[in-house]
PDB file of N, CA and C in Angstrom:
ATOM      1  N   MET A   1       1.369 -14.476   0.388  1.00  0.00           N
ATOM      2  CA  MET A   1       1.499 -13.526  -0.695  1.00  0.00           C
ATOM      3  C   MET A   1       2.971 -13.461  -1.122  1.00  0.00           C
ATOM      4  N   PHE A   2       3.223 -13.432  -2.409  1.00  0.00           N
ATOM      5  CA  PHE A   2       4.574 -13.367  -2.961  1.00  0.00           C
ATOM      6  C   PHE A   2       5.262 -12.077  -2.529  1.00  0.00           C
ATOM      7  N   ASN A   3       6.532 -12.152  -2.126  1.00  0.00           N
ATOM      8  CA  ASN A   3       7.262 -10.983  -1.675  1.00  0.00           C
ATOM      9  C   ASN A   3       8.253 -10.527  -2.734  1.00  0.00           C
ATOM     10  N   PHE A   4       7.765  -9.816  -3.711  1.00  0.00           N
ATOM     11  CA  PHE A   4       8.562  -9.301  -4.815  1.00  0.00           C
ATOM     12  C   PHE A   4       9.643  -8.346  -4.339  1.00  0.00           C
ATOM     13  N   PHE A   5       9.325  -7.515  -3.341  1.00  0.00           N
ATOM     14  CA  PHE A   5      10.243  -6.473  -2.901  1.00  0.00           C
ATOM     15  C   PHE A   5      11.515  -7.024  -2.272  1.00  0.00           C
ATOM     16  N   ASN A   6      11.431  -8.123  -1.542  1.00  0.00           N
ATOM     17  CA  ASN A   6      12.646  -8.704  -0.965  1.00  0.00           C
ATOM     18  C   ASN A   6      13.631  -9.089  -2.061  1.00  0.00           C
ATOM     19  N   GLU A   7      13.141  -9.623  -3.161  1.00  0.00           N
ATOM     20  CA  GLU A   7      14.013  -9.993  -4.279  1.00  0.00           C
ATOM     21  C   GLU A   7      14.684  -8.745  -4.865  1.00  0.00           C
ATOM     22  N   VAL A   8      13.930  -7.668  -5.032  1.00  0.00           N
ATOM     23  CA  VAL A   8      14.484  -6.437  -5.596  1.00  0.00           C
ATOM     24  C   VAL A   8      15.513  -5.837  -4.641  1.00  0.00           C
ATOM     25  N   LYS A   9      15.196  -5.763  -3.344  1.00  0.00           N
ATOM     26  CA  LYS A   9      16.101  -5.166  -2.361  1.00  0.00           C
ATOM     27  C   LYS A   9      17.431  -5.896  -2.291  1.00  0.00           C
ATOM     28  N   GLN A  10      17.435  -7.187  -2.500  1.00  0.00           N
ATOM     29  CA  GLN A  10      18.672  -7.956  -2.453  1.00  0.00           C
ATOM     30  C   GLN A  10      19.616  -7.562  -3.582  1.00  0.00           C
ATOM     31  N   ASN A  11      19.088  -7.034  -4.680  1.00  0.00           N
ATOM     32  CA  ASN A  11      19.906  -6.677  -5.836  1.00  0.00           C
ATOM     33  C   ASN A  11      20.220  -5.189  -5.940  1.00  0.00           C
ATOM     34  N   ILE A  12      19.753  -4.388  -4.989  1.00  0.00           N
ATOM     35  CA  ILE A  12      19.983  -2.938  -5.006  1.00  0.00           C
ATOM     36  C   ILE A  12      20.814  -2.578  -3.789  1.00  0.00           C
ATOM     37  N   LYS A  13      21.842  -1.774  -4.002  1.00  0.00           N
ATOM     38  CA  LYS A  13      22.734  -1.424  -2.898  1.00  0.00           C
ATOM     39  C   LYS A  13      22.348  -0.120  -2.205  1.00  0.00           C
ATOM     40  N   SER A  14      21.482   0.691  -2.816  1.00  0.00           N
ATOM     41  CA  SER A  14      21.071   1.947  -2.187  1.00  0.00           C
ATOM     42  C   SER A  14      19.938   1.690  -1.197  1.00  0.00           C
ATOM     43  N   PRO A  15      19.791   2.567  -0.190  1.00  0.00           N
ATOM     44  CA  PRO A  15      18.713   2.366   0.789  1.00  0.00           C
ATOM     45  C   PRO A  15      17.338   2.533   0.150  1.00  0.00           C
ATOM     46  N   ILE A  16      16.393   1.739   0.611  1.00  0.00           N
ATOM     47  CA  ILE A  16      15.019   1.782   0.113  1.00  0.00           C
ATOM     48  C   ILE A  16      14.110   2.122   1.280  1.00  0.00           C
ATOM     49  N   GLU A  17      13.037   2.860   1.003  1.00  0.00           N
ATOM     50  CA  GLU A  17      12.055   3.224   2.026  1.00  0.00           C
ATOM     51  C   GLU A  17      11.604   2.005   2.830  1.00  0.00           C
ATOM     52  N   ASP A  18      10.978   2.276   3.968  1.00  0.00           N
ATOM     53  CA  ASP A  18      10.491   1.223   4.846  1.00  0.00           C
ATOM     54  C   ASP A  18       9.165   0.639   4.382  1.00  0.00           C
ATOM     55  N   PHE A  19       8.595   1.182   3.312  1.00  0.00           N
ATOM     56  CA  PHE A  19       7.356   0.642   2.762  1.00  0.00           C
ATOM     57  C   PHE A  19       7.446   0.677   1.239  1.00  0.00           C
ATOM     58  N   ASN A  20       6.611  -0.113   0.596  1.00  0.00           N
ATOM     59  CA  ASN A  20       6.597  -0.189  -0.862  1.00  0.00           C
ATOM     60  C   ASN A  20       5.155  -0.212  -1.344  1.00  0.00           C
ATOM     61  N   ILE A  21       4.913   0.438  -2.487  1.00  0.00           N
ATOM     62  CA  ILE A  21       3.574   0.470  -3.072  1.00  0.00           C
ATOM     63  C   ILE A  21       3.683   0.178  -4.567  1.00  0.00           C
ATOM     64  N   ILE A  22       2.809  -0.685  -5.038  1.00  0.00           N
ATOM     65  CA  ILE A  22       2.671  -0.917  -6.475  1.00  0.00           C
ATOM     66  C   ILE A  22       1.221  -0.624  -6.839  1.00  0.00           C
ATOM     67  N   ASN A  23       1.026   0.276  -7.800  1.00  0.00           N
ATOM     68  CA  ASN A  23      -0.300   0.609  -8.307  1.00  0.00           C
ATOM     69  C   ASN A  23      -0.437  -0.057  -9.666  1.00  0.00           C
ATOM     70  N   MET A  24      -1.332  -1.018  -9.764  1.00  0.00           N
ATOM     71  CA  MET A  24      -1.523  -1.770 -11.001  1.00  0.00           C
ATOM     72  C   MET A  24      -2.719  -1.224 -11.769  1.00  0.00           C
ATOM     73  N   SER A  25      -2.422  -0.359 -12.726  1.00  0.00           N
ATOM     74  CA  SER A  25      -3.425   0.216 -13.636  1.00  0.00           C
ATOM     75  C   SER A  25      -4.565   0.935 -12.918  1.00  0.00           C
ATOM     76  N   GLY A  26      -4.326   1.430 -11.719  1.00  0.00           N
ATOM     77  CA  GLY A  26      -5.370   2.129 -10.995  1.00  0.00           C
ATOM     78  C   GLY A  26      -6.506   1.244 -10.525  1.00  0.00           C
ATOM     79  N   GLN A  27      -6.311  -0.069 -10.558  1.00  0.00           N
ATOM     80  CA  GLN A  27      -7.351  -1.018 -10.157  1.00  0.00           C
ATOM     81  C   GLN A  27      -6.974  -1.836  -8.916  1.00  0.00           C
ATOM     82  N   ILE A  28      -5.676  -2.058  -8.723  1.00  0.00           N
ATOM     83  CA  ILE A  28      -5.187  -2.818  -7.568  1.00  0.00           C
ATOM     84  C   ILE A  28      -3.992  -2.072  -7.000  1.00  0.00           C
ATOM     85  N   LEU A  29      -3.972  -1.906  -5.696  1.00  0.00           N
ATOM     86  CA  LEU A  29      -2.845  -1.283  -5.014  1.00  0.00           C
ATOM     87  C   LEU A  29      -2.299  -2.297  -4.018  1.00  0.00           C
ATOM     88  N   TYR A  30      -1.032  -2.631  -4.171  1.00  0.00           N
ATOM     89  CA  TYR A  30      -0.371  -3.580  -3.284  1.00  0.00           C
ATOM     90  C   TYR A  30       0.601  -2.797  -2.417  1.00  0.00           C
ATOM     91  N   VAL A  31       0.501  -2.951  -1.099  1.00  0.00           N
ATOM     92  CA  VAL A  31       1.330  -2.224  -0.144  1.00  0.00           C
ATOM     93  C   VAL A  31       2.055  -3.227   0.737  1.00  0.00           C
ATOM     94  N   GLU A  32       3.335  -2.968   0.937  1.00  0.00           N
ATOM     95  CA  GLU A  32       4.124  -3.794   1.831  1.00  0.00           C
ATOM     96  C   GLU A  32       4.810  -2.880   2.842  1.00  0.00           C
ATOM     97  N   GLY A  33       4.707  -3.214   4.117  1.00  0.00           N
ATOM     98  CA  GLY A  33       5.368  -2.448   5.167  1.00  0.00           C
ATOM     99  C   GLY A  33       4.451  -1.515   5.937  1.00  0.00           C
ATOM    100  N   HIS A  34       3.128  -1.732   5.881  1.00  0.00           N
ATOM    101  CA  HIS A  34       2.213  -0.876   6.648  1.00  0.00           C
ATOM    102  C   HIS A  34       2.305  -1.221   8.135  1.00  0.00           C
ATOM    103  N   LYS A  35       1.840  -0.293   8.949  1.00  0.00           N
ATOM    104  CA  LYS A  35       1.863  -0.466  10.408  1.00  0.00           C
ATOM    105  C   LYS A  35       0.458  -0.436  11.011  1.00  0.00           C
ATOM    106  N   GLY A  36      -0.574  -0.556  10.181  1.00  0.00           N
ATOM    107  CA  GLY A  36      -1.948  -0.590  10.677  1.00  0.00           C
ATOM    108  C   GLY A  36      -2.863   0.353   9.931  1.00  0.00           C
ATOM    109  N   LEU A  37      -4.146   0.032   9.947  1.00  0.00           N
ATOM    110  CA  LEU A  37      -5.164   0.859   9.278  1.00  0.00           C
ATOM    111  C   LEU A  37      -5.665   1.959  10.201  1.00  0.00           C
ATOM    112  N   ILE A  38      -5.981   3.108   9.616  1.00  0.00           N
ATOM    113  CA  ILE A  38      -6.549   4.230  10.364  1.00  0.00           C
ATOM    114  C   ILE A  38      -7.969   4.505   9.879  1.00  0.00           C
ATOM    115  N   VAL A  39      -8.159   4.560   8.552  1.00  0.00           N
ATOM    116  CA  VAL A  39      -9.464   4.841   7.948  1.00  0.00           C
ATOM    117  C   VAL A  39      -9.744   3.767   6.900  1.00  0.00           C
ATOM    118  N   LEU A  40     -10.989   3.284   6.890  1.00  0.00           N
ATOM    119  CA  LEU A  40     -11.383   2.281   5.897  1.00  0.00           C
ATOM    120  C   LEU A  40     -12.789   2.596   5.407  1.00  0.00           C
ATOM    121  N   SER A  41     -12.889   3.092   4.164  1.00  0.00           N
ATOM    122  CA  SER A  41     -14.185   3.336   3.535  1.00  0.00           C
ATOM    123  C   SER A  41     -14.044   3.049   2.050  1.00  0.00           C
ATOM    124  N   LYS A  42     -15.148   3.120   1.317  1.00  0.00           N
ATOM    125  CA  LYS A  42     -15.114   2.866  -0.123  1.00  0.00           C
ATOM    126  C   LYS A  42     -14.417   3.985  -0.891  1.00  0.00           C
ATOM    127  N   GLU A  43     -14.308   5.184  -0.281  1.00  0.00           N
ATOM    128  CA  GLU A  43     -13.697   6.328  -0.945  1.00  0.00           C
ATOM    129  C   GLU A  43     -12.304   6.666  -0.427  1.00  0.00           C
ATOM    130  N   GLU A  44     -11.956   6.203   0.774  1.00  0.00           N
ATOM    131  CA  GLU A  44     -10.656   6.542   1.361  1.00  0.00           C
ATOM    132  C   GLU A  44     -10.167   5.417   2.266  1.00  0.00           C
ATOM    133  N   ILE A  45      -8.892   5.078   2.103  1.00  0.00           N
ATOM    134  CA  ILE A  45      -8.229   4.127   2.991  1.00  0.00           C
ATOM    135  C   ILE A  45      -6.932   4.791   3.434  1.00  0.00           C
ATOM    136  N   VAL A  46      -6.721   4.869   4.738  1.00  0.00           N
ATOM    137  CA  VAL A  46      -5.510   5.470   5.295  1.00  0.00           C
ATOM    138  C   VAL A  46      -4.838   4.434   6.179  1.00  0.00           C
ATOM    139  N   PHE A  47      -3.533   4.302   6.002  1.00  0.00           N
ATOM    140  CA  PHE A  47      -2.788   3.370   6.844  1.00  0.00           C
ATOM    141  C   PHE A  47      -1.487   4.017   7.310  1.00  0.00           C
ATOM    142  N   LYS A  48      -0.993   3.515   8.442  1.00  0.00           N
ATOM    143  CA  LYS A  48       0.243   4.017   9.027  1.00  0.00           C
ATOM    144  C   LYS A  48       1.440   3.357   8.348  1.00  0.00           C
ATOM    145  N   ILE A  49       2.513   4.140   8.236  1.00  0.00           N
ATOM    146  CA  ILE A  49       3.814   3.633   7.832  1.00  0.00           C
ATOM    147  C   ILE A  49       4.805   4.089   8.894  1.00  0.00           C
ATOM    148  N   LYS A  50       6.036   3.663   8.794  1.00  0.00           N
ATOM    149  CA  LYS A  50       7.016   3.968   9.838  1.00  0.00           C
ATOM    150  C   LYS A  50       7.158   5.469  10.092  1.00  0.00           C
ATOM    151  N   LYS A  51       7.119   6.282   9.041  1.00  0.00           N
ATOM    152  CA  LYS A  51       7.333   7.726   9.194  1.00  0.00           C
ATOM    153  C   LYS A  51       6.133   8.539   8.736  1.00  0.00           C
ATOM    154  N   GLY A  52       4.919   8.156   9.136  1.00  0.00           N
ATOM    155  CA  GLY A  52       3.738   8.929   8.774  1.00  0.00           C
ATOM    156  C   GLY A  52       2.564   8.067   8.381  1.00  0.00           C
ATOM    157  N   THR A  53       1.830   8.552   7.378  1.00  0.00           N
ATOM    158  CA  THR A  53       0.657   7.824   6.884  1.00  0.00           C
ATOM    159  C   THR A  53       0.615   7.884   5.361  1.00  0.00           C
ATOM    160  N   VAL A  54      -0.183   6.992   4.786  1.00  0.00           N
ATOM    161  CA  VAL A  54      -0.467   7.016   3.356  1.00  0.00           C
ATOM    162  C   VAL A  54      -1.979   7.008   3.206  1.00  0.00           C
ATOM    163  N   SER A  55      -2.491   7.926   2.391  1.00  0.00           N
ATOM    164  CA  SER A  55      -3.924   8.017   2.107  1.00  0.00           C
ATOM    165  C   SER A  55      -4.174   7.593   0.672  1.00  0.00           C
ATOM    166  N   VAL A  56      -5.150   6.721   0.488  1.00  0.00           N
ATOM    167  CA  VAL A  56      -5.534   6.241  -0.832  1.00  0.00           C
ATOM    168  C   VAL A  56      -6.967   6.704  -1.078  1.00  0.00           C
ATOM    169  N   PHE A  57      -7.187   7.413  -2.195  1.00  0.00           N
ATOM    170  CA  PHE A  57      -8.502   7.932  -2.526  1.00  0.00           C
ATOM    171  C   PHE A  57      -8.999   7.261  -3.799  1.00  0.00           C
ATOM    172  N   GLY A  58     -10.300   6.975  -3.845  1.00  0.00           N
ATOM    173  CA  GLY A  58     -10.859   6.348  -5.031  1.00  0.00           C
ATOM    174  C   GLY A  58     -12.342   6.095  -4.908  1.00  0.00           C
ATOM    175  N   GLU A  59     -12.820   5.132  -5.690  1.00  0.00           N
ATOM    176  CA  GLU A  59     -14.237   4.761  -5.700  1.00  0.00           C
ATOM    177  C   GLU A  59     -14.368   3.254  -5.558  1.00  0.00           C
ATOM    178  N   ASN A  60     -15.374   2.848  -4.825  1.00  0.00           N
ATOM    179  CA  ASN A  60     -15.687   1.422  -4.648  1.00  0.00           C
ATOM    180  C   ASN A  60     -14.469   0.594  -4.244  1.00  0.00           C
ATOM    181  N   MET A  61     -13.640   1.164  -3.385  1.00  0.00           N
ATOM    182  CA  MET A  61     -12.444   0.449  -2.936  1.00  0.00           C
ATOM    183  C   MET A  61     -12.812  -0.538  -1.840  1.00  0.00           C
ATOM    184  N   LEU A  62     -12.103  -1.636  -1.836  1.00  0.00           N
ATOM    185  CA  LEU A  62     -12.274  -2.619  -0.771  1.00  0.00           C
ATOM    186  C   LEU A  62     -10.922  -3.218  -0.428  1.00  0.00           C
ATOM    187  N   LEU A  63     -10.829  -3.640   0.803  1.00  0.00           N
ATOM    188  CA  LEU A  63      -9.615  -4.271   1.297  1.00  0.00           C
ATOM    189  C   LEU A  63      -9.691  -5.748   0.942  1.00  0.00           C
ATOM    190  N   ALA A  64      -8.979  -6.146  -0.104  1.00  0.00           N
ATOM    191  CA  ALA A  64      -9.052  -7.512  -0.602  1.00  0.00           C
ATOM    192  C   ALA A  64      -8.184  -8.456   0.222  1.00  0.00           C
ATOM    193  N   GLU A  65      -7.104  -7.915   0.788  1.00  0.00           N
ATOM    194  CA  GLU A  65      -6.207  -8.729   1.594  1.00  0.00           C
ATOM    195  C   GLU A  65      -5.538  -7.860   2.645  1.00  0.00           C
ATOM    196  N   LEU A  66      -5.354  -8.401   3.836  1.00  0.00           N
ATOM    197  CA  LEU A  66      -4.689  -7.681   4.912  1.00  0.00           C
ATOM    198  C   LEU A  66      -3.985  -8.687   5.803  1.00  0.00           C
ATOM    199  N   ASN A  67      -2.692  -8.467   6.042  1.00  0.00           N
ATOM    200  CA  ASN A  67      -1.996  -9.233   7.078  1.00  0.00           C
ATOM    201  C   ASN A  67      -1.088  -8.272   7.825  1.00  0.00           C
ATOM    202  N   GLN A  68      -0.171  -8.768   8.611  1.00  0.00           N
ATOM    203  CA  GLN A  68       0.629  -7.893   9.476  1.00  0.00           C
ATOM    204  C   GLN A  68       1.451  -6.863   8.720  1.00  0.00           C
ATOM    205  N   THR A  69       1.885  -7.165   7.507  1.00  0.00           N
ATOM    206  CA  THR A  69       2.746  -6.222   6.790  1.00  0.00           C
ATOM    207  C   THR A  69       2.254  -5.841   5.398  1.00  0.00           C
ATOM    208  N   THR A  70       1.283  -6.561   4.844  1.00  0.00           N
ATOM    209  CA  THR A  70       0.847  -6.267   3.477  1.00  0.00           C
ATOM    210  C   THR A  70      -0.651  -5.954   3.401  1.00  0.00           C
ATOM    211  N   ILE A  71      -0.985  -5.131   2.410  1.00  0.00           N
ATOM    212  CA  ILE A  71      -2.373  -4.763   2.127  1.00  0.00           C
ATOM    213  C   ILE A  71      -2.573  -4.874   0.619  1.00  0.00           C
ATOM    214  N   LYS A  72      -3.735  -5.358   0.214  1.00  0.00           N
ATOM    215  CA  LYS A  72      -4.131  -5.334  -1.192  1.00  0.00           C
ATOM    216  C   LYS A  72      -5.476  -4.638  -1.269  1.00  0.00           C
ATOM    217  N   ILE A  73      -5.511  -3.533  -2.005  1.00  0.00           N
ATOM    218  CA  ILE A  73      -6.721  -2.732  -2.163  1.00  0.00           C
ATOM    219  C   ILE A  73      -7.189  -2.864  -3.606  1.00  0.00           C
ATOM    220  N   CYS A  74      -8.472  -3.144  -3.792  1.00  0.00           N
ATOM    221  CA  CYS A  74      -9.062  -3.230  -5.134  1.00  0.00           C
ATOM    222  C   CYS A  74     -10.117  -2.139  -5.271  1.00  0.00           C
ATOM    223  N   GLY A  75     -10.321  -1.672  -6.486  1.00  0.00           N
ATOM    224  CA  GLY A  75     -11.305  -0.636  -6.766  1.00  0.00           C
ATOM    225  C   GLY A  75     -10.743   0.341  -7.777  1.00  0.00           C
ATOM    226  N   LYS A  76     -11.383   1.496  -7.909  1.00  0.00           N
ATOM    227  CA  LYS A  76     -10.894   2.536  -8.812  1.00  0.00           C
ATOM    228  C   LYS A  76     -10.028   3.488  -7.988  1.00  0.00           C
ATOM    229  N   ILE A  77      -8.721   3.342  -8.107  1.00  0.00           N
ATOM    230  CA  ILE A  77      -7.776   4.122  -7.305  1.00  0.00           C
ATOM    231  C   ILE A  77      -7.426   5.391  -8.072  1.00  0.00           C
ATOM    232  N   LYS A  78      -7.742   6.537  -7.470  1.00  0.00           N
ATOM    233  CA  LYS A  78      -7.550   7.817  -8.139  1.00  0.00           C
ATOM    234  C   LYS A  78      -6.282   8.544  -7.692  1.00  0.00           C
ATOM    235  N   LYS A  79      -5.963   8.438  -6.384  1.00  0.00           N
ATOM    236  CA  LYS A  79      -4.834   9.212  -5.869  1.00  0.00           C
ATOM    237  C   LYS A  79      -4.263   8.535  -4.639  1.00  0.00           C
ATOM    238  N   VAL A  80      -2.924   8.608  -4.493  1.00  0.00           N
ATOM    239  CA  VAL A  80      -2.212   8.091  -3.318  1.00  0.00           C
ATOM    240  C   VAL A  80      -1.320   9.202  -2.801  1.00  0.00           C
ATOM    241  N   GLU A  81      -1.445   9.538  -1.511  1.00  0.00           N
ATOM    242  CA  GLU A  81      -0.644  10.597  -0.910  1.00  0.00           C
ATOM    243  C   GLU A  81       0.088  10.089   0.320  1.00  0.00           C
ATOM    244  N   GLN A  82       1.363  10.445   0.418  1.00  0.00           N
ATOM    245  CA  GLN A  82       2.125  10.145   1.632  1.00  0.00           C
ATOM    246  C   GLN A  82       2.147  11.387   2.496  1.00  0.00           C
ATOM    247  N   ASN A  83       1.813  11.243   3.762  1.00  0.00           N
ATOM    248  CA  ASN A  83       1.775  12.380   4.694  1.00  0.00           C
ATOM    249  C   ASN A  83       2.831  12.198   5.768  1.00  0.00           C
TER     250      ASN A  83
END
């Protein structure tokens, strides 16, 4: 998977969070820097980050891609909360 965030971080001098999220039109959510899944359903996906968790709420969501540091979620994404 292409690592867009590494390119951006190299050009920014201020500190950036330990994780990154891109929400593409509420249909695809790309996450970089997760530490593991906690909840996986069509309506809710929760994953760990370095300092807490992130909850993704929606409809007909599915985990399209998962590796050690990145997640790609597809479906109707309604809300994302950091806890």
